[in-house]
Each structure stands twice: as C-alpha cells, then as structure tokens.
Amino acid sequence: MEQTLMDLSKHSVSDKTLEQLKEVMYKQDEFGVKKYNTALDHSLNYDWDAMADEEIADFLKYRQCAKERKEYIINLLKAGLRSDEPKTFIEVALELLTIRGTGK
C-alpha cells in the first residue's frame, strides 16, 4: 500500500513523540543502571504497583508545576506589554522557558 504525503504528515507528531520517548527511556535506563547496578526486570524485589503509584503522583506534581510556570510566564509577558521597559520581563520569561535538565 502506497503512502501519500498526507499519510506521512499525519504521523509526524507521533513519530517525534515516540523518538523523544525512546531517548528519555534509554536515558532513564542508563540512570537506573548507574544508581542500582542493574536494569529493570520483573524478578527484582520491588512492589511495582506501589512504585507506579509513586511515579504517577510525582508526574501529577510535575504537571502542576509546569502549569503554574506557564501561567507565571504569561503574566510576566502581559506585565512586560504594559511596561515602558519590557526587556527585564522578557529576559525572565526566556530564562524560565529555556530551563533544561532534571537536576539529576
């Protein structure tokens, strides 16, 4: 079956997402092996359900922080629009928008 340009473009976001997820997963694998000296495996002595609950709780807190940061940046930029000197507002917003890393 032939793929058209439309077929290819409808998957571009999914393809980018999967590639990014793969990179993050591999990076997490490396981090886990360094920290615990072993790769994840079902036979390890962990309560996987409890760990998943903990990770979900952390995920929800991370999402809340991201939402709050976005709202803060929006308010900064709005204040910059009202200011005679918007440069400082823009610089702070850019600094927040370009934060990289996870603190590991």
N, C-alpha and C. Protein backbone atom coordinates (compact mmCIF):
# COMPACT_ATOMS: atom_id res chain seq x y z
N MET A 1 0.85 -1.18 0.00
CA MET A 1 0.00 0.00 0.00
C MET A 1 0.89 1.24 0.00
N GLU A 2 0.63 2.16 -0.89
CA GLU A 2 1.42 3.37 -1.02
C GLU A 2 1.02 4.41 0.02
N GLN A 3 2.03 5.11 0.55
CA GLN A 3 1.76 6.21 1.48
C GLN A 3 1.84 7.52 0.72
N THR A 4 0.88 8.38 0.98
CA THR A 4 0.89 9.69 0.36
C THR A 4 1.52 10.68 1.32
N LEU A 5 1.74 11.91 0.81
CA LEU A 5 2.26 12.97 1.66
C LEU A 5 1.35 13.20 2.85
N MET A 6 0.04 13.13 2.65
CA MET A 6 -0.92 13.31 3.74
C MET A 6 -0.74 12.22 4.79
N ASP A 7 -0.52 10.97 4.35
CA ASP A 7 -0.33 9.87 5.28
C ASP A 7 0.91 10.08 6.14
N LEU A 8 2.00 10.54 5.51
CA LEU A 8 3.24 10.76 6.24
C LEU A 8 3.09 11.88 7.26
N SER A 9 2.45 12.96 6.86
CA SER A 9 2.36 14.11 7.76
C SER A 9 1.43 13.85 8.94
N LYS A 10 0.45 12.97 8.79
CA LYS A 10 -0.47 12.73 9.90
C LYS A 10 0.22 11.98 11.04
N HIS A 11 1.37 11.41 10.78
CA HIS A 11 2.12 10.69 11.81
C HIS A 11 3.32 11.47 12.35
N SER A 12 3.56 12.65 11.84
CA SER A 12 4.80 13.35 12.21
C SER A 12 4.86 13.66 13.71
N VAL A 13 3.76 14.07 14.30
CA VAL A 13 3.78 14.37 15.75
C VAL A 13 3.99 13.08 16.54
N SER A 14 3.32 12.02 16.14
CA SER A 14 3.50 10.73 16.82
C SER A 14 4.94 10.25 16.69
N ASP A 15 5.50 10.37 15.49
CA ASP A 15 6.88 9.94 15.27
C ASP A 15 7.85 10.73 16.15
N LYS A 16 7.68 12.04 16.22
CA LYS A 16 8.55 12.87 17.07
C LYS A 16 8.38 12.49 18.54
N THR A 17 7.15 12.26 18.94
CA THR A 17 6.87 11.90 20.33
C THR A 17 7.51 10.56 20.69
N LEU A 18 7.36 9.59 19.81
CA LEU A 18 7.95 8.27 20.07
C LEU A 18 9.47 8.34 20.12
N GLU A 19 10.07 9.12 19.24
CA GLU A 19 11.53 9.26 19.25
C GLU A 19 12.00 9.91 20.55
N GLN A 20 11.30 10.94 20.97
CA GLN A 20 11.67 11.61 22.23
C GLN A 20 11.48 10.66 23.41
N LEU A 21 10.38 9.93 23.42
CA LEU A 21 10.12 8.98 24.50
C LEU A 21 11.20 7.90 24.55
N LYS A 22 11.61 7.43 23.39
CA LYS A 22 12.68 6.43 23.31
C LYS A 22 13.97 6.98 23.92
N GLU A 23 14.32 8.21 23.57
CA GLU A 23 15.53 8.83 24.11
C GLU A 23 15.44 8.96 25.63
N VAL A 24 14.30 9.41 26.13
CA VAL A 24 14.12 9.58 27.57
C VAL A 24 14.18 8.22 28.27
N MET A 25 13.53 7.21 27.69
CA MET A 25 13.55 5.87 28.30
C MET A 25 14.97 5.32 28.37
N TYR A 26 15.73 5.46 27.30
CA TYR A 26 17.10 4.96 27.31
C TYR A 26 17.95 5.71 28.33
N LYS A 27 17.73 7.02 28.42
CA LYS A 27 18.47 7.81 29.40
C LYS A 27 18.11 7.36 30.82
N GLN A 28 16.83 7.09 31.05
CA GLN A 28 16.40 6.59 32.36
C GLN A 28 16.99 5.21 32.64
N ASP A 29 17.09 4.36 31.61
CA ASP A 29 17.73 3.06 31.78
C ASP A 29 19.17 3.23 32.25
N GLU A 30 19.90 4.13 31.61
CA GLU A 30 21.29 4.38 31.99
C GLU A 30 21.38 4.89 33.42
N PHE A 31 20.49 5.82 33.76
CA PHE A 31 20.47 6.37 35.12
C PHE A 31 20.19 5.26 36.13
N GLY A 32 19.21 4.41 35.83
CA GLY A 32 18.86 3.32 36.75
C GLY A 32 19.98 2.32 36.94
N VAL A 33 20.66 1.98 35.85
CA VAL A 33 21.77 1.03 35.95
C VAL A 33 22.90 1.63 36.79
N LYS A 34 23.18 2.92 36.58
CA LYS A 34 24.22 3.57 37.39
C LYS A 34 23.83 3.61 38.86
N LYS A 35 22.57 3.91 39.14
CA LYS A 35 22.11 4.06 40.52
C LYS A 35 21.96 2.72 41.24
N TYR A 36 21.39 1.72 40.55
CA TYR A 36 21.06 0.45 41.20
C TYR A 36 21.92 -0.73 40.75
N ASN A 37 22.84 -0.48 39.81
CA ASN A 37 23.74 -1.52 39.29
C ASN A 37 23.01 -2.67 38.60
N THR A 38 21.80 -2.43 38.13
CA THR A 38 21.07 -3.45 37.39
C THR A 38 19.97 -2.79 36.56
N ALA A 39 19.60 -3.45 35.49
CA ALA A 39 18.50 -2.96 34.66
C ALA A 39 17.17 -3.41 35.28
N LEU A 40 16.10 -2.73 34.90
CA LEU A 40 14.78 -3.14 35.37
C LEU A 40 14.46 -4.55 34.91
N ASP A 41 13.87 -5.32 35.80
CA ASP A 41 13.45 -6.66 35.46
C ASP A 41 12.33 -7.06 36.41
N HIS A 42 11.36 -7.79 35.91
CA HIS A 42 10.20 -8.18 36.73
C HIS A 42 10.59 -8.97 37.97
N SER A 43 11.74 -9.65 37.92
CA SER A 43 12.13 -10.52 39.03
C SER A 43 12.74 -9.76 40.21
N LEU A 44 13.02 -8.48 40.03
CA LEU A 44 13.57 -7.70 41.14
C LEU A 44 12.56 -7.59 42.26
N ASN A 45 13.06 -7.46 43.46
CA ASN A 45 12.21 -7.46 44.65
C ASN A 45 11.63 -6.07 44.92
N TYR A 46 10.68 -5.68 44.08
CA TYR A 46 10.01 -4.39 44.22
C TYR A 46 8.50 -4.59 44.13
N ASP A 47 7.78 -3.72 44.78
CA ASP A 47 6.33 -3.69 44.61
C ASP A 47 6.06 -2.74 43.45
N TRP A 48 5.97 -3.30 42.26
CA TRP A 48 5.87 -2.50 41.04
C TRP A 48 4.62 -1.61 41.05
N ASP A 49 3.52 -2.11 41.60
CA ASP A 49 2.30 -1.30 41.65
C ASP A 49 2.48 -0.08 42.55
N ALA A 50 3.10 -0.28 43.71
CA ALA A 50 3.34 0.85 44.61
C ALA A 50 4.29 1.85 43.97
N MET A 51 5.32 1.35 43.30
CA MET A 51 6.26 2.25 42.64
C MET A 51 5.58 3.03 41.52
N ALA A 52 4.70 2.37 40.78
CA ALA A 52 3.98 3.06 39.71
C ALA A 52 3.09 4.16 40.31
N ASP A 53 2.43 3.87 41.42
CA ASP A 53 1.61 4.89 42.08
C ASP A 53 2.45 6.09 42.49
N GLU A 54 3.64 5.83 43.03
CA GLU A 54 4.54 6.92 43.43
C GLU A 54 4.96 7.75 42.22
N GLU A 55 5.27 7.08 41.12
CA GLU A 55 5.69 7.79 39.91
C GLU A 55 4.54 8.61 39.33
N ILE A 56 3.33 8.07 39.37
CA ILE A 56 2.17 8.81 38.89
C ILE A 56 1.95 10.05 39.75
N ALA A 57 2.10 9.89 41.07
CA ALA A 57 1.94 11.04 41.97
C ALA A 57 2.97 12.12 41.63
N ASP A 58 4.21 11.71 41.42
CA ASP A 58 5.24 12.67 41.04
C ASP A 58 4.91 13.33 39.71
N PHE A 59 4.47 12.54 38.73
CA PHE A 59 4.10 13.07 37.42
C PHE A 59 3.04 14.16 37.56
N LEU A 60 2.02 13.91 38.36
CA LEU A 60 0.96 14.90 38.53
C LEU A 60 1.48 16.18 39.18
N LYS A 61 2.41 16.04 40.11
CA LYS A 61 3.01 17.23 40.73
C LYS A 61 3.87 17.99 39.72
N TYR A 62 4.61 17.26 38.87
CA TYR A 62 5.40 17.91 37.83
C TYR A 62 4.50 18.68 36.88
N ARG A 63 3.39 18.07 36.48
CA ARG A 63 2.43 18.73 35.58
C ARG A 63 1.89 20.00 36.21
N GLN A 64 1.57 19.95 37.51
CA GLN A 64 1.06 21.13 38.20
C GLN A 64 2.10 22.25 38.19
N CYS A 65 3.34 21.90 38.46
CA CYS A 65 4.41 22.91 38.43
C CYS A 65 4.56 23.50 37.03
N ALA A 66 4.45 22.67 36.01
CA ALA A 66 4.56 23.16 34.63
C ALA A 66 3.42 24.12 34.31
N LYS A 67 2.22 23.78 34.76
CA LYS A 67 1.06 24.66 34.53
C LYS A 67 1.25 26.00 35.24
N GLU A 68 1.72 25.94 36.49
CA GLU A 68 1.93 27.17 37.25
C GLU A 68 3.01 28.03 36.62
N ARG A 69 4.09 27.38 36.14
CA ARG A 69 5.15 28.14 35.48
C ARG A 69 4.62 28.81 34.22
N LYS A 70 3.82 28.08 33.43
CA LYS A 70 3.25 28.65 32.21
C LYS A 70 2.41 29.88 32.55
N GLU A 71 1.57 29.78 33.56
CA GLU A 71 0.72 30.91 33.96
C GLU A 71 1.58 32.09 34.43
N TYR A 72 2.65 31.80 35.16
CA TYR A 72 3.56 32.83 35.63
C TYR A 72 4.21 33.55 34.45
N ILE A 73 4.65 32.77 33.46
CA ILE A 73 5.28 33.35 32.27
C ILE A 73 4.29 34.22 31.49
N ILE A 74 3.08 33.75 31.35
CA ILE A 74 2.04 34.54 30.68
C ILE A 74 1.85 35.87 31.39
N ASN A 75 1.75 35.83 32.71
CA ASN A 75 1.58 37.06 33.48
C ASN A 75 2.79 37.99 33.37
N LEU A 76 3.98 37.40 33.34
CA LEU A 76 5.21 38.20 33.14
C LEU A 76 5.16 38.94 31.80
N LEU A 77 4.81 38.22 30.76
CA LEU A 77 4.78 38.82 29.43
C LEU A 77 3.68 39.87 29.32
N LYS A 78 2.55 39.63 29.95
CA LYS A 78 1.49 40.64 29.96
C LYS A 78 1.95 41.89 30.69
N ALA A 79 2.66 41.71 31.81
CA ALA A 79 3.20 42.86 32.54
C ALA A 79 4.23 43.59 31.69
N GLY A 80 5.02 42.81 30.94
CA GLY A 80 6.00 43.42 30.04
C GLY A 80 5.34 44.27 28.97
N LEU A 81 4.20 43.82 28.46
CA LEU A 81 3.46 44.60 27.46
C LEU A 81 2.99 45.94 28.03
N ARG A 82 2.67 45.95 29.31
CA ARG A 82 2.18 47.18 29.94
C ARG A 82 3.33 48.08 30.40
N SER A 83 4.54 47.56 30.38
CA SER A 83 5.69 48.28 30.92
C SER A 83 6.36 49.14 29.85
N ASP A 84 6.97 50.23 30.31
CA ASP A 84 7.79 51.04 29.41
C ASP A 84 9.16 50.39 29.17
N GLU A 85 9.52 49.45 30.03
CA GLU A 85 10.79 48.73 29.95
C GLU A 85 10.52 47.22 29.97
N PRO A 86 10.07 46.64 28.86
CA PRO A 86 9.68 45.23 28.86
C PRO A 86 10.85 44.24 28.85
N LYS A 87 12.06 44.73 28.63
CA LYS A 87 13.20 43.82 28.45
C LYS A 87 13.39 42.87 29.63
N THR A 88 13.31 43.37 30.85
CA THR A 88 13.51 42.53 32.03
C THR A 88 12.46 41.43 32.10
N PHE A 89 11.22 41.78 31.81
CA PHE A 89 10.14 40.79 31.83
C PHE A 89 10.41 39.69 30.80
N ILE A 90 10.85 40.11 29.62
CA ILE A 90 11.13 39.15 28.54
C ILE A 90 12.31 38.26 28.91
N GLU A 91 13.35 38.84 29.50
CA GLU A 91 14.52 38.06 29.89
C GLU A 91 14.16 36.99 30.92
N VAL A 92 13.37 37.35 31.91
CA VAL A 92 12.95 36.37 32.93
C VAL A 92 12.09 35.28 32.30
N ALA A 93 11.18 35.67 31.42
CA ALA A 93 10.33 34.69 30.74
C ALA A 93 11.17 33.73 29.91
N LEU A 94 12.14 34.26 29.16
CA LEU A 94 13.01 33.41 28.35
C LEU A 94 13.84 32.46 29.21
N GLU A 95 14.33 32.96 30.33
CA GLU A 95 15.10 32.11 31.23
C GLU A 95 14.25 30.93 31.71
N LEU A 96 13.01 31.20 32.09
CA LEU A 96 12.12 30.14 32.54
C LEU A 96 11.75 29.18 31.42
N LEU A 97 11.58 29.71 30.21
CA LEU A 97 11.20 28.87 29.08
C LEU A 97 12.33 28.00 28.56
N THR A 98 13.56 28.34 28.89
CA THR A 98 14.70 27.60 28.34
C THR A 98 15.41 26.75 29.39
N ILE A 99 14.79 26.54 30.54
CA ILE A 99 15.38 25.67 31.57
C ILE A 99 15.50 24.27 31.01
N ARG A 100 16.65 23.69 31.20
CA ARG A 100 16.89 22.30 30.76
C ARG A 100 17.42 21.50 31.93
N GLY A 101 17.22 20.23 31.86
CA GLY A 101 17.78 19.33 32.87
C GLY A 101 16.75 18.92 33.89
N THR A 102 17.12 17.89 34.64
CA THR A 102 16.22 17.32 35.63
C THR A 102 16.78 17.38 37.04
N GLY A 103 17.95 17.95 37.17
CA GLY A 103 18.55 18.04 38.50
C GLY A 103 19.24 16.76 38.94
N LYS A 104 19.34 15.78 38.04
CA LYS A 104 19.99 14.52 38.40
C LYS A 104 21.48 14.68 38.31
